[in-house]
Amino acid sequence: MLGIFATLKYVIAGGRINKSFGKVASMLNIKPMLTFKNGEVSMPGLATAYSKGADKTFDFVKNNSPIRDLAIVHSSIPEEAMKLRERLGAVFPEEKIMVAPKGPSVGVRGGSGVLLMALRRGD
């Protein structure tokens, strides 16, 4: 799973990233990209806009082929989710990419403006 977060407020409060880093990133309007795998959180990169995050997400999907399932979850930004779905259609059948609004746990831990992409490899 790879996600882009519009605000770090909730990620900091949940203890997922360092408070000092969060304050600096917020001042610079940087959107962190976080990965979640087997309960571990890491930060593979930063983005200055959703479009830059979409570039990195596209590369992430492209480099993790073959893919069995692909889904996008968003928090109050359906237009960004649909743009990402369309773009990912170049490497995975667009009609098979599920898009859904966030659930309560994503809302509590990420707030508004979250864009998550999850994949399951087809090995």
C-alpha atoms as a PDB file:
ATOM      1  CA  MET A   1       0.000   0.000   0.000  1.00  0.00           C
ATOM      2  CA  LEU A   2       1.243   3.461  -0.877  1.00  0.00           C
ATOM      3  CA  GLY A   3      -0.425   6.683   0.249  1.00  0.00           C
ATOM      4  CA  ILE A   4      -0.253  10.442  -0.213  1.00  0.00           C
ATOM      5  CA  PHE A   5      -1.441  12.623   2.680  1.00  0.00           C
ATOM      6  CA  ALA A   6      -2.628  16.225   2.288  1.00  0.00           C
ATOM      7  CA  THR A   7      -1.943  17.043   5.928  1.00  0.00           C
ATOM      8  CA  LEU A   8       0.398  15.555   8.461  1.00  0.00           C
ATOM      9  CA  LYS A   9      -1.710  16.583  11.461  1.00  0.00           C
ATOM     10  CA  TYR A  10      -3.305  13.177  11.991  1.00  0.00           C
ATOM     11  CA  VAL A  11      -0.237  11.160  11.025  1.00  0.00           C
ATOM     12  CA  ILE A  12       1.810  13.053  13.635  1.00  0.00           C
ATOM     13  CA  ALA A  13      -0.897  12.678  16.286  1.00  0.00           C
ATOM     14  CA  GLY A  14      -0.965   8.938  15.640  1.00  0.00           C
ATOM     15  CA  GLY A  15       2.807   8.732  16.099  1.00  0.00           C
ATOM     16  CA  ARG A  16       3.455   7.503  12.543  1.00  0.00           C
ATOM     17  CA  ILE A  17       6.044  10.187  11.775  1.00  0.00           C
ATOM     18  CA  ASN A  18       8.358  12.410  13.773  1.00  0.00           C
ATOM     19  CA  LYS A  19       6.771  15.630  15.065  1.00  0.00           C
ATOM     20  CA  SER A  20       9.730  17.838  14.042  1.00  0.00           C
ATOM     21  CA  PHE A  21       9.796  16.453  10.508  1.00  0.00           C
ATOM     22  CA  GLY A  22       6.027  16.877  10.311  1.00  0.00           C
ATOM     23  CA  LYS A  23       6.188  20.553  11.223  1.00  0.00           C
ATOM     24  CA  VAL A  24       8.892  21.302   8.641  1.00  0.00           C
ATOM     25  CA  ALA A  25       7.085  19.337   5.912  1.00  0.00           C
ATOM     26  CA  SER A  26       3.830  21.137   6.718  1.00  0.00           C
ATOM     27  CA  MET A  27       5.521  24.547   6.506  1.00  0.00           C
ATOM     28  CA  LEU A  28       6.947  23.629   3.084  1.00  0.00           C
ATOM     29  CA  ASN A  29       3.612  22.153   1.939  1.00  0.00           C
ATOM     30  CA  ILE A  30       5.225  18.764   1.308  1.00  0.00           C
ATOM     31  CA  LYS A  31       2.966  15.741   1.087  1.00  0.00           C
ATOM     32  CA  PRO A  32       4.640  12.640   2.486  1.00  0.00           C
ATOM     33  CA  MET A  33       4.257   9.339   0.715  1.00  0.00           C
ATOM     34  CA  LEU A  34       3.943   6.472   3.156  1.00  0.00           C
ATOM     35  CA  THR A  35       3.980   2.735   2.554  1.00  0.00           C
ATOM     36  CA  PHE A  36       2.324   0.178   4.764  1.00  0.00           C
ATOM     37  CA  LYS A  37       3.459  -3.440   4.638  1.00  0.00           C
ATOM     38  CA  ASN A  38       2.978  -6.109   7.290  1.00  0.00           C
ATOM     39  CA  GLY A  39       2.110  -3.483   9.910  1.00  0.00           C
ATOM     40  CA  GLU A  40       5.232  -1.421   9.249  1.00  0.00           C
ATOM     41  CA  VAL A  41       5.139   2.193   8.030  1.00  0.00           C
ATOM     42  CA  SER A  42       7.943   3.714   5.983  1.00  0.00           C
ATOM     43  CA  MET A  43       8.366   6.879   3.934  1.00  0.00           C
ATOM     44  CA  PRO A  44       9.730   6.096   0.460  1.00  0.00           C
ATOM     45  CA  GLY A  45       9.418   9.671  -0.749  1.00  0.00           C
ATOM     46  CA  LEU A  46       7.863  13.101  -0.661  1.00  0.00           C
ATOM     47  CA  ALA A  47       5.647  14.933  -3.127  1.00  0.00           C
ATOM     48  CA  THR A  48       4.894  18.609  -3.564  1.00  0.00           C
ATOM     49  CA  ALA A  49       1.516  17.918  -5.200  1.00  0.00           C
ATOM     50  CA  TYR A  50      -0.874  15.049  -5.856  1.00  0.00           C
ATOM     51  CA  SER A  51       0.316  14.986  -9.479  1.00  0.00           C
ATOM     52  CA  LYS A  52       3.907  14.365  -8.344  1.00  0.00           C
ATOM     53  CA  GLY A  53       2.660  11.688  -5.960  1.00  0.00           C
ATOM     54  CA  ALA A  54       0.722  10.121  -8.850  1.00  0.00           C
ATOM     55  CA  ASP A  55       3.975   9.914 -10.828  1.00  0.00           C
ATOM     56  CA  LYS A  56       5.625   8.002  -7.995  1.00  0.00           C
ATOM     57  CA  THR A  57       2.540   5.816  -7.534  1.00  0.00           C
ATOM     58  CA  PHE A  58       2.545   4.967 -11.244  1.00  0.00           C
ATOM     59  CA  ASP A  59       6.212   3.916 -11.030  1.00  0.00           C
ATOM     60  CA  PHE A  60       5.482   1.866  -7.888  1.00  0.00           C
ATOM     61  CA  VAL A  61       2.709  -0.060  -9.675  1.00  0.00           C
ATOM     62  CA  LYS A  62       4.748  -0.496 -12.848  1.00  0.00           C
ATOM     63  CA  ASN A  63       7.675  -1.907 -10.845  1.00  0.00           C
ATOM     64  CA  ASN A  64       5.507  -4.384  -8.910  1.00  0.00           C
ATOM     65  CA  SER A  65       4.116  -6.371 -11.827  1.00  0.00           C
ATOM     66  CA  PRO A  66       2.513  -8.821 -12.211  1.00  0.00           C
ATOM     67  CA  ILE A  67      -0.467  -7.453 -10.272  1.00  0.00           C
ATOM     68  CA  ARG A  68      -3.535  -9.454  -9.323  1.00  0.00           C
ATOM     69  CA  ASP A  69      -5.660  -6.730  -7.686  1.00  0.00           C
ATOM     70  CA  LEU A  70      -5.421  -2.935  -7.546  1.00  0.00           C
ATOM     71  CA  ALA A  71      -7.524  -0.484  -5.522  1.00  0.00           C
ATOM     72  CA  ILE A  72      -7.571   3.232  -4.767  1.00  0.00           C
ATOM     73  CA  VAL A  73      -9.085   4.668  -1.577  1.00  0.00           C
ATOM     74  CA  HIS A  74      -9.575   8.400  -1.130  1.00  0.00           C
ATOM     75  CA  SER A  75     -10.690  10.836   1.521  1.00  0.00           C
ATOM     76  CA  SER A  76     -12.777  13.688   0.068  1.00  0.00           C
ATOM     77  CA  ILE A  77     -10.862  13.851  -3.239  1.00  0.00           C
ATOM     78  CA  PRO A  78     -12.708  11.626  -5.740  1.00  0.00           C
ATOM     79  CA  GLU A  79     -11.409  13.624  -8.722  1.00  0.00           C
ATOM     80  CA  GLU A  80      -7.782  12.859  -7.788  1.00  0.00           C
ATOM     81  CA  ALA A  81      -8.661   9.187  -7.298  1.00  0.00           C
ATOM     82  CA  MET A  82     -10.235   9.011 -10.761  1.00  0.00           C
ATOM     83  CA  LYS A  83      -7.229  10.745 -12.365  1.00  0.00           C
ATOM     84  CA  LEU A  84      -4.948   8.189 -10.725  1.00  0.00           C
ATOM     85  CA  ARG A  85      -7.202   5.331 -11.868  1.00  0.00           C
ATOM     86  CA  GLU A  86      -7.080   6.583 -15.441  1.00  0.00           C
ATOM     87  CA  ARG A  87      -3.311   6.896 -15.355  1.00  0.00           C
ATOM     88  CA  LEU A  88      -2.810   3.446 -13.813  1.00  0.00           C
ATOM     89  CA  GLY A  89      -4.936   2.066 -16.656  1.00  0.00           C
ATOM     90  CA  ALA A  90      -1.759   2.180 -18.755  1.00  0.00           C
ATOM     91  CA  VAL A  91      -0.227  -0.652 -16.678  1.00  0.00           C
ATOM     92  CA  PHE A  92      -3.317  -2.470 -15.325  1.00  0.00           C
ATOM     93  CA  PRO A  93      -6.835  -2.766 -16.817  1.00  0.00           C
ATOM     94  CA  GLU A  94      -8.644   0.398 -15.687  1.00  0.00           C
ATOM     95  CA  GLU A  95     -12.016  -1.348 -15.378  1.00  0.00           C
ATOM     96  CA  LYS A  96     -10.497  -3.706 -12.776  1.00  0.00           C
ATOM     97  CA  ILE A  97      -9.180  -0.894 -10.544  1.00  0.00           C
ATOM     98  CA  MET A  98     -11.581  -0.452  -7.636  1.00  0.00           C
ATOM     99  CA  VAL A  99     -12.071   3.114  -6.341  1.00  0.00           C
ATOM    100  CA  ALA A 100     -13.761   3.713  -2.988  1.00  0.00           C
ATOM    101  CA  PRO A 101     -14.114   6.420  -0.343  1.00  0.00           C
ATOM    102  CA  LYS A 102     -12.140   5.972   2.869  1.00  0.00           C
ATOM    103  CA  GLY A 103     -13.329   4.043   5.844  1.00  0.00           C
ATOM    104  CA  PRO A 104     -13.285   5.283   9.445  1.00  0.00           C
ATOM    105  CA  SER A 105      -9.758   4.045  10.248  1.00  0.00           C
ATOM    106  CA  VAL A 106      -8.226   5.931   7.309  1.00  0.00           C
ATOM    107  CA  GLY A 107     -10.177   9.044   8.306  1.00  0.00           C
ATOM    108  CA  VAL A 108      -8.944   8.961  11.887  1.00  0.00           C
ATOM    109  CA  ARG A 109      -5.326   8.300  10.934  1.00  0.00           C
ATOM    110  CA  GLY A 110      -5.103  10.414   7.797  1.00  0.00           C
ATOM    111  CA  GLY A 111      -7.788  13.087   7.783  1.00  0.00           C
ATOM    112  CA  SER A 112      -9.043  14.681   4.568  1.00  0.00           C
ATOM    113  CA  GLY A 113      -7.129  14.589   1.318  1.00  0.00           C
ATOM    114  CA  VAL A 114      -5.726  11.073   1.615  1.00  0.00           C
ATOM    115  CA  LEU A 115      -5.092   9.082  -1.543  1.00  0.00           C
ATOM    116  CA  LEU A 116      -4.122   5.436  -0.978  1.00  0.00           C
ATOM    117  CA  MET A 117      -3.295   2.817  -3.562  1.00  0.00           C
ATOM    118  CA  ALA A 118      -3.164  -0.846  -2.606  1.00  0.00           C
ATOM    119  CA  LEU A 119      -2.053  -3.737  -4.727  1.00  0.00           C
ATOM    120  CA  ARG A 120      -1.779  -7.479  -4.469  1.00  0.00           C
ATOM    121  CA  ARG A 121       0.882  -9.105  -6.592  1.00  0.00           C
ATOM    122  CA  GLY A 122      -0.048 -11.961  -8.857  1.00  0.00           C
ATOM    123  CA  ASP A 123       2.971 -14.200  -8.197  1.00  0.00           C
END
